[in-house]
Amino acid sequence: MNMPGDANSTGTRLNGRDGVPADPLPPGDGSAFGSTPAEKKAAADTIETELEPNTRKAAAGAKENTSAAARTLDGWETASGLKKVTETWDQQVKTLMGRLSAEKTSLRGASGLFVQNDVRTGDELRALSRKSKLEGL
């Protein structure tokens, strides 16, 4: 059995808030979380600067081409089918844009939530250690 202070003992050392590093990840490549805060930020930025604008542009082009085809075929059953396709397309694009926005927001908020959770857990553990009757044994 290891006693506190033994060379082989294991334990947890909690630093105060002043000791919290700017990047709360443990040493290494951050693979324990699947990605680093910088990678999450880069992914969110890619969604904002590339995926969202390119999706809007592609969607608008497809809608315009389909609408033009429907106007050309006015009076034919195909025109009403193309109008229905355009309505469905609009709804699907709206859903996709909402999903991209939600993913971007989640990526930007994830790192902050991990830090907040770690700080709150540390505060709770420090409070428990102050109340512990086992301290000093």
N, C-alpha and C. Protein backbone atom coordinates (compact mmCIF):
# COMPACT_ATOMS: atom_id res chain seq x y z
N MET A 1 0.85 -1.18 0.00
CA MET A 1 0.00 0.00 0.00
C MET A 1 0.90 1.24 0.00
N ASN A 2 0.62 2.15 -0.90
CA ASN A 2 1.40 3.38 -0.98
C ASN A 2 0.84 4.42 -0.03
N MET A 3 1.70 5.08 0.64
CA MET A 3 1.29 6.14 1.55
C MET A 3 1.61 7.49 0.91
N PRO A 4 0.87 8.53 1.25
CA PRO A 4 1.19 9.84 0.70
C PRO A 4 2.65 10.18 0.99
N GLY A 5 3.32 10.69 -0.03
CA GLY A 5 4.72 11.05 0.13
C GLY A 5 5.65 9.96 -0.34
N ASP A 6 5.14 8.70 -0.50
CA ASP A 6 5.97 7.62 -1.04
C ASP A 6 6.37 7.97 -2.46
N ALA A 7 7.52 7.50 -2.87
CA ALA A 7 8.00 7.74 -4.22
C ALA A 7 7.08 7.10 -5.25
N ASN A 8 6.40 6.04 -4.88
CA ASN A 8 5.53 5.33 -5.82
C ASN A 8 4.06 5.74 -5.71
N SER A 9 3.74 6.68 -4.86
CA SER A 9 2.34 7.03 -4.67
C SER A 9 1.81 7.80 -5.88
N THR A 10 0.53 7.64 -6.08
CA THR A 10 -0.13 8.38 -7.14
C THR A 10 -1.10 9.33 -6.49
N GLY A 11 -1.35 10.41 -7.13
CA GLY A 11 -2.28 11.37 -6.56
C GLY A 11 -2.62 12.44 -7.58
N THR A 12 -3.43 13.36 -7.16
CA THR A 12 -3.84 14.46 -8.01
C THR A 12 -3.40 15.75 -7.37
N ARG A 13 -2.81 16.58 -8.15
CA ARG A 13 -2.40 17.89 -7.65
C ARG A 13 -3.23 18.92 -8.39
N LEU A 14 -3.96 19.72 -7.66
CA LEU A 14 -4.80 20.75 -8.26
C LEU A 14 -4.16 22.11 -8.06
N ASN A 15 -3.91 22.77 -9.15
CA ASN A 15 -3.36 24.13 -9.09
C ASN A 15 -4.51 25.11 -9.02
N GLY A 16 -4.23 26.28 -8.49
CA GLY A 16 -5.23 27.34 -8.48
C GLY A 16 -5.44 27.86 -9.89
N ARG A 17 -6.41 28.74 -10.05
CA ARG A 17 -6.71 29.28 -11.38
C ARG A 17 -5.51 29.95 -12.02
N ASP A 18 -4.64 30.54 -11.19
CA ASP A 18 -3.46 31.20 -11.74
C ASP A 18 -2.55 30.20 -12.43
N GLY A 19 -2.64 28.93 -12.07
CA GLY A 19 -1.79 27.91 -12.66
C GLY A 19 -2.38 27.24 -13.88
N VAL A 20 -3.60 27.65 -14.29
CA VAL A 20 -4.23 27.03 -15.46
C VAL A 20 -3.52 27.50 -16.71
N PRO A 21 -3.02 26.57 -17.53
CA PRO A 21 -2.32 26.97 -18.74
C PRO A 21 -3.26 27.58 -19.76
N ALA A 22 -2.71 28.39 -20.67
CA ALA A 22 -3.52 29.01 -21.72
C ALA A 22 -4.16 27.95 -22.60
N ASP A 23 -3.44 26.88 -22.90
CA ASP A 23 -3.97 25.76 -23.67
C ASP A 23 -4.15 24.60 -22.71
N PRO A 24 -5.40 24.28 -22.34
CA PRO A 24 -5.64 23.33 -21.26
C PRO A 24 -5.37 21.88 -21.62
N LEU A 25 -4.88 21.59 -22.81
CA LEU A 25 -4.64 20.21 -23.18
C LEU A 25 -3.39 19.67 -22.50
N PRO A 26 -3.38 18.39 -22.21
CA PRO A 26 -2.19 17.79 -21.64
C PRO A 26 -1.08 17.79 -22.68
N PRO A 27 0.16 17.63 -22.25
CA PRO A 27 1.25 17.58 -23.23
C PRO A 27 0.99 16.48 -24.25
N GLY A 28 1.35 16.73 -25.47
CA GLY A 28 1.13 15.76 -26.53
C GLY A 28 0.41 16.41 -27.69
N ASP A 29 -0.16 15.59 -28.51
CA ASP A 29 -0.77 16.10 -29.73
C ASP A 29 -2.26 16.42 -29.59
N GLY A 30 -2.84 16.25 -28.44
CA GLY A 30 -4.25 16.57 -28.24
C GLY A 30 -5.19 15.49 -28.73
N SER A 31 -4.65 14.33 -29.09
CA SER A 31 -5.49 13.28 -29.66
C SER A 31 -6.49 12.71 -28.66
N ALA A 32 -6.30 12.97 -27.38
CA ALA A 32 -7.26 12.49 -26.39
C ALA A 32 -8.63 13.11 -26.62
N PHE A 33 -8.67 14.32 -27.15
CA PHE A 33 -9.93 14.99 -27.43
C PHE A 33 -10.33 14.85 -28.90
N GLY A 34 -9.50 14.26 -29.72
CA GLY A 34 -9.81 14.12 -31.13
C GLY A 34 -9.31 15.30 -31.95
N SER A 35 -9.20 16.45 -31.35
CA SER A 35 -8.67 17.62 -32.04
C SER A 35 -8.31 18.69 -31.01
N THR A 36 -7.44 19.57 -31.41
CA THR A 36 -7.02 20.65 -30.51
C THR A 36 -7.96 21.83 -30.67
N PRO A 37 -7.93 22.77 -29.72
CA PRO A 37 -8.73 23.97 -29.88
C PRO A 37 -8.41 24.71 -31.19
N ALA A 38 -7.14 24.73 -31.58
CA ALA A 38 -6.76 25.40 -32.84
C ALA A 38 -7.38 24.69 -34.05
N GLU A 39 -7.44 23.36 -34.01
CA GLU A 39 -8.06 22.62 -35.11
C GLU A 39 -9.56 22.86 -35.16
N LYS A 40 -10.20 22.96 -34.00
CA LYS A 40 -11.63 23.26 -33.96
C LYS A 40 -11.90 24.64 -34.55
N LYS A 41 -11.04 25.61 -34.20
CA LYS A 41 -11.19 26.96 -34.73
C LYS A 41 -10.99 26.97 -36.24
N ALA A 42 -9.99 26.25 -36.72
CA ALA A 42 -9.72 26.19 -38.16
C ALA A 42 -10.90 25.56 -38.90
N ALA A 43 -11.49 24.53 -38.33
CA ALA A 43 -12.65 23.88 -38.96
C ALA A 43 -13.84 24.85 -39.00
N ALA A 44 -14.08 25.56 -37.90
CA ALA A 44 -15.17 26.54 -37.87
C ALA A 44 -14.93 27.65 -38.88
N ASP A 45 -13.69 28.11 -38.97
CA ASP A 45 -13.36 29.16 -39.95
C ASP A 45 -13.57 28.67 -41.38
N THR A 46 -13.23 27.41 -41.65
CA THR A 46 -13.44 26.84 -42.98
C THR A 46 -14.93 26.78 -43.32
N ILE A 47 -15.73 26.42 -42.35
CA ILE A 47 -17.18 26.41 -42.58
C ILE A 47 -17.64 27.82 -42.94
N GLU A 48 -17.16 28.82 -42.18
CA GLU A 48 -17.61 30.20 -42.39
C GLU A 48 -17.10 30.81 -43.69
N THR A 49 -15.84 30.56 -44.02
CA THR A 49 -15.25 31.25 -45.17
C THR A 49 -15.33 30.48 -46.48
N GLU A 50 -15.53 29.16 -46.39
CA GLU A 50 -15.57 28.36 -47.62
C GLU A 50 -16.90 27.64 -47.82
N LEU A 51 -17.26 26.79 -46.86
CA LEU A 51 -18.44 25.95 -47.06
C LEU A 51 -19.74 26.75 -47.16
N GLU A 52 -19.96 27.65 -46.23
CA GLU A 52 -21.23 28.42 -46.26
C GLU A 52 -21.34 29.27 -47.53
N PRO A 53 -20.34 30.10 -47.86
CA PRO A 53 -20.49 30.91 -49.07
C PRO A 53 -20.57 30.07 -50.36
N ASN A 54 -19.76 29.02 -50.45
CA ASN A 54 -19.79 28.19 -51.65
C ASN A 54 -21.10 27.42 -51.78
N THR A 55 -21.65 26.99 -50.66
CA THR A 55 -22.94 26.30 -50.68
C THR A 55 -24.04 27.26 -51.12
N ARG A 56 -24.03 28.49 -50.57
CA ARG A 56 -25.03 29.49 -50.98
C ARG A 56 -24.95 29.75 -52.48
N LYS A 57 -23.73 29.93 -52.97
CA LYS A 57 -23.51 30.23 -54.39
C LYS A 57 -23.98 29.07 -55.28
N ALA A 58 -23.61 27.85 -54.92
CA ALA A 58 -24.01 26.67 -55.70
C ALA A 58 -25.52 26.49 -55.67
N ALA A 59 -26.11 26.71 -54.50
CA ALA A 59 -27.56 26.56 -54.37
C ALA A 59 -28.31 27.59 -55.20
N ALA A 60 -27.82 28.83 -55.17
CA ALA A 60 -28.48 29.88 -55.95
C ALA A 60 -28.37 29.59 -57.44
N GLY A 61 -27.22 29.11 -57.89
CA GLY A 61 -27.04 28.79 -59.31
C GLY A 61 -27.95 27.66 -59.76
N ALA A 62 -28.03 26.62 -58.95
CA ALA A 62 -28.89 25.48 -59.28
C ALA A 62 -30.36 25.91 -59.30
N LYS A 63 -30.74 26.75 -58.34
CA LYS A 63 -32.13 27.21 -58.28
C LYS A 63 -32.46 28.05 -59.51
N GLU A 64 -31.55 28.95 -59.88
CA GLU A 64 -31.79 29.80 -61.05
C GLU A 64 -31.89 28.98 -62.32
N ASN A 65 -31.01 28.00 -62.50
CA ASN A 65 -31.06 27.16 -63.69
C ASN A 65 -32.35 26.34 -63.75
N THR A 66 -32.76 25.80 -62.63
CA THR A 66 -33.99 25.01 -62.59
C THR A 66 -35.21 25.90 -62.84
N SER A 67 -35.21 27.09 -62.26
CA SER A 67 -36.32 28.03 -62.48
C SER A 67 -36.38 28.46 -63.94
N ALA A 68 -35.23 28.70 -64.56
CA ALA A 68 -35.18 29.08 -65.98
C ALA A 68 -35.73 27.95 -66.84
N ALA A 69 -35.37 26.72 -66.52
CA ALA A 69 -35.88 25.58 -67.28
C ALA A 69 -37.40 25.47 -67.12
N ALA A 70 -37.89 25.72 -65.91
CA ALA A 70 -39.34 25.65 -65.67
C ALA A 70 -40.06 26.73 -66.48
N ARG A 71 -39.48 27.94 -66.56
CA ARG A 71 -40.10 29.02 -67.35
C ARG A 71 -40.11 28.66 -68.84
N THR A 72 -39.04 28.04 -69.29
CA THR A 72 -38.95 27.64 -70.70
C THR A 72 -40.00 26.60 -71.04
N LEU A 73 -40.29 25.74 -70.09
CA LEU A 73 -41.24 24.65 -70.32
C LEU A 73 -42.64 24.98 -69.81
N ASP A 74 -42.91 26.26 -69.60
CA ASP A 74 -44.21 26.67 -69.09
C ASP A 74 -45.33 26.08 -69.93
N GLY A 75 -46.33 25.53 -69.27
CA GLY A 75 -47.45 24.90 -69.95
C GLY A 75 -47.29 23.39 -70.06
N TRP A 76 -46.15 22.89 -69.79
CA TRP A 76 -45.90 21.45 -69.82
C TRP A 76 -45.92 20.91 -68.39
N GLU A 77 -46.22 19.65 -68.24
CA GLU A 77 -46.19 19.02 -66.92
C GLU A 77 -44.79 19.08 -66.30
N THR A 78 -43.79 19.05 -67.17
CA THR A 78 -42.41 19.10 -66.68
C THR A 78 -42.15 20.38 -65.90
N ALA A 79 -42.75 21.47 -66.33
CA ALA A 79 -42.55 22.76 -65.65
C ALA A 79 -43.05 22.69 -64.20
N SER A 80 -44.24 22.10 -64.00
CA SER A 80 -44.76 22.00 -62.63
C SER A 80 -43.87 21.07 -61.79
N GLY A 81 -43.33 20.03 -62.40
CA GLY A 81 -42.41 19.13 -61.70
C GLY A 81 -41.14 19.87 -61.29
N LEU A 82 -40.63 20.71 -62.20
CA LEU A 82 -39.42 21.48 -61.88
C LEU A 82 -39.69 22.50 -60.79
N LYS A 83 -40.87 23.07 -60.76
CA LYS A 83 -41.22 24.01 -59.68
C LYS A 83 -41.23 23.29 -58.33
N LYS A 84 -41.78 22.06 -58.34
CA LYS A 84 -41.81 21.27 -57.10
C LYS A 84 -40.38 20.92 -56.67
N VAL A 85 -39.52 20.58 -57.63
CA VAL A 85 -38.13 20.27 -57.34
C VAL A 85 -37.44 21.50 -56.72
N THR A 86 -37.74 22.68 -57.25
CA THR A 86 -37.15 23.91 -56.74
C THR A 86 -37.56 24.16 -55.29
N GLU A 87 -38.83 23.92 -54.98
CA GLU A 87 -39.31 24.09 -53.61
C GLU A 87 -38.59 23.12 -52.65
N THR A 88 -38.46 21.86 -53.09
CA THR A 88 -37.78 20.86 -52.28
C THR A 88 -36.31 21.24 -52.10
N TRP A 89 -35.68 21.69 -53.18
CA TRP A 89 -34.28 22.11 -53.14
C TRP A 89 -34.09 23.24 -52.13
N ASP A 90 -34.98 24.24 -52.19
CA ASP A 90 -34.87 25.36 -51.26
C ASP A 90 -34.91 24.89 -49.80
N GLN A 91 -35.79 23.96 -49.50
CA GLN A 91 -35.92 23.45 -48.14
C GLN A 91 -34.65 22.69 -47.74
N GLN A 92 -34.13 21.89 -48.65
CA GLN A 92 -32.93 21.12 -48.34
C GLN A 92 -31.72 22.04 -48.13
N VAL A 93 -31.61 23.08 -48.94
CA VAL A 93 -30.51 24.04 -48.78
C VAL A 93 -30.64 24.76 -47.44
N LYS A 94 -31.86 25.14 -47.08
CA LYS A 94 -32.08 25.81 -45.80
C LYS A 94 -31.65 24.90 -44.65
N THR A 95 -32.00 23.62 -44.73
CA THR A 95 -31.61 22.65 -43.70
C THR A 95 -30.10 22.50 -43.64
N LEU A 96 -29.46 22.39 -44.81
CA LEU A 96 -28.00 22.25 -44.85
C LEU A 96 -27.31 23.48 -44.27
N MET A 97 -27.78 24.67 -44.62
CA MET A 97 -27.16 25.89 -44.11
C MET A 97 -27.33 25.98 -42.59
N GLY A 98 -28.47 25.57 -42.10
CA GLY A 98 -28.68 25.54 -40.65
C GLY A 98 -27.73 24.57 -39.97
N ARG A 99 -27.52 23.43 -40.60
CA ARG A 99 -26.60 22.43 -40.04
C ARG A 99 -25.17 22.95 -40.02
N LEU A 100 -24.75 23.57 -41.13
CA LEU A 100 -23.40 24.13 -41.18
C LEU A 100 -23.20 25.19 -40.09
N SER A 101 -24.20 26.04 -39.92
CA SER A 101 -24.12 27.08 -38.90
C SER A 101 -24.04 26.47 -37.50
N ALA A 102 -24.84 25.44 -37.25
CA ALA A 102 -24.83 24.78 -35.94
C ALA A 102 -23.48 24.11 -35.67
N GLU A 103 -22.92 23.47 -36.69
CA GLU A 103 -21.61 22.83 -36.52
C GLU A 103 -20.53 23.86 -36.24
N LYS A 104 -20.59 24.98 -36.95
CA LYS A 104 -19.62 26.06 -36.73
C LYS A 104 -19.71 26.57 -35.30
N THR A 105 -20.91 26.81 -34.84
CA THR A 105 -21.13 27.30 -33.48
C THR A 105 -20.65 26.28 -32.45
N SER A 106 -20.94 25.01 -32.68
CA SER A 106 -20.52 23.95 -31.76
C SER A 106 -19.00 23.85 -31.69
N LEU A 107 -18.34 23.92 -32.84
CA LEU A 107 -16.88 23.86 -32.86
C LEU A 107 -16.27 25.02 -32.08
N ARG A 108 -16.83 26.20 -32.25
CA ARG A 108 -16.29 27.38 -31.56
C ARG A 108 -16.56 27.33 -30.05
N GLY A 109 -17.63 26.69 -29.66
CA GLY A 109 -17.97 26.65 -28.24
C GLY A 109 -17.37 25.47 -27.49
N ALA A 110 -16.94 24.43 -28.20
CA ALA A 110 -16.49 23.20 -27.54
C ALA A 110 -15.28 23.43 -26.64
N SER A 111 -14.29 24.13 -27.11
CA SER A 111 -13.07 24.34 -26.31
C SER A 111 -13.38 25.09 -25.03
N GLY A 112 -14.20 26.11 -25.13
CA GLY A 112 -14.58 26.88 -23.95
C GLY A 112 -15.33 26.04 -22.94
N LEU A 113 -16.18 25.15 -23.42
CA LEU A 113 -16.93 24.29 -22.50
C LEU A 113 -16.01 23.33 -21.76
N PHE A 114 -15.00 22.80 -22.46
CA PHE A 114 -14.05 21.90 -21.79
C PHE A 114 -13.32 22.65 -20.68
N VAL A 115 -12.86 23.86 -20.96
CA VAL A 115 -12.14 24.64 -19.96
C VAL A 115 -13.05 24.95 -18.77
N GLN A 116 -14.28 25.40 -19.06
CA GLN A 116 -15.22 25.71 -17.97
C GLN A 116 -15.49 24.48 -17.11
N ASN A 117 -15.66 23.34 -17.75
CA ASN A 117 -15.91 22.11 -17.01
C ASN A 117 -14.71 21.74 -16.14
N ASP A 118 -13.51 21.87 -16.69
CA ASP A 118 -12.30 21.56 -15.92
C ASP A 118 -12.15 22.48 -14.72
N VAL A 119 -12.39 23.76 -14.91
CA VAL A 119 -12.27 24.73 -13.81
C VAL A 119 -13.32 24.43 -12.73
N ARG A 120 -14.55 24.16 -13.15
CA ARG A 120 -15.63 23.86 -12.19
C ARG A 120 -15.31 22.58 -11.41
N THR A 121 -14.82 21.54 -12.11
CA THR A 121 -14.46 20.30 -11.44
C THR A 121 -13.32 20.54 -10.45
N GLY A 122 -12.33 21.32 -10.84
CA GLY A 122 -11.23 21.66 -9.94
C GLY A 122 -11.72 22.40 -8.71
N ASP A 123 -12.62 23.35 -8.91
CA ASP A 123 -13.18 24.10 -7.77
C ASP A 123 -13.91 23.16 -6.81
N GLU A 124 -14.69 22.22 -7.37
CA GLU A 124 -15.43 21.28 -6.53
C GLU A 124 -14.48 20.36 -5.75
N LEU A 125 -13.42 19.90 -6.43
CA LEU A 125 -12.47 19.03 -5.74
C LEU A 125 -11.71 19.78 -4.64
N ARG A 126 -11.35 21.03 -4.92
CA ARG A 126 -10.68 21.83 -3.89
C ARG A 126 -11.60 22.04 -2.69
N ALA A 127 -12.88 22.30 -2.94
CA ALA A 127 -13.83 22.49 -1.84
C ALA A 127 -13.97 21.20 -1.03
N LEU A 128 -14.00 20.07 -1.71
CA LEU A 128 -14.09 18.79 -0.99
C LEU A 128 -12.84 18.53 -0.17
N SER A 129 -11.68 18.85 -0.71
CA SER A 129 -10.44 18.58 0.02
C SER A 129 -10.35 19.45 1.27
N ARG A 130 -10.91 20.65 1.26
CA ARG A 130 -10.91 21.50 2.44
C ARG A 130 -11.82 20.92 3.52
N LYS A 131 -12.88 20.23 3.10
CA LYS A 131 -13.84 19.68 4.06
C LYS A 131 -13.46 18.27 4.49
N SER A 132 -12.50 17.68 3.83
CA SER A 132 -12.16 16.27 4.09
C SER A 132 -11.62 16.07 5.49
N LYS A 133 -12.12 15.06 6.15
CA LYS A 133 -11.62 14.70 7.49
C LYS A 133 -10.42 13.77 7.36
N LEU A 134 -10.13 13.34 6.12
CA LEU A 134 -9.02 12.43 5.91
C LEU A 134 -7.71 13.20 5.69
N GLU A 135 -7.81 14.50 5.50
CA GLU A 135 -6.62 15.29 5.25
C GLU A 135 -5.66 15.20 6.43
N GLY A 136 -4.42 15.00 6.13
CA GLY A 136 -3.41 14.94 7.17
C GLY A 136 -3.20 13.54 7.73
N LEU A 137 -3.93 12.57 7.25
CA LEU A 137 -3.73 11.19 7.73
C LEU A 137 -2.52 10.58 7.10
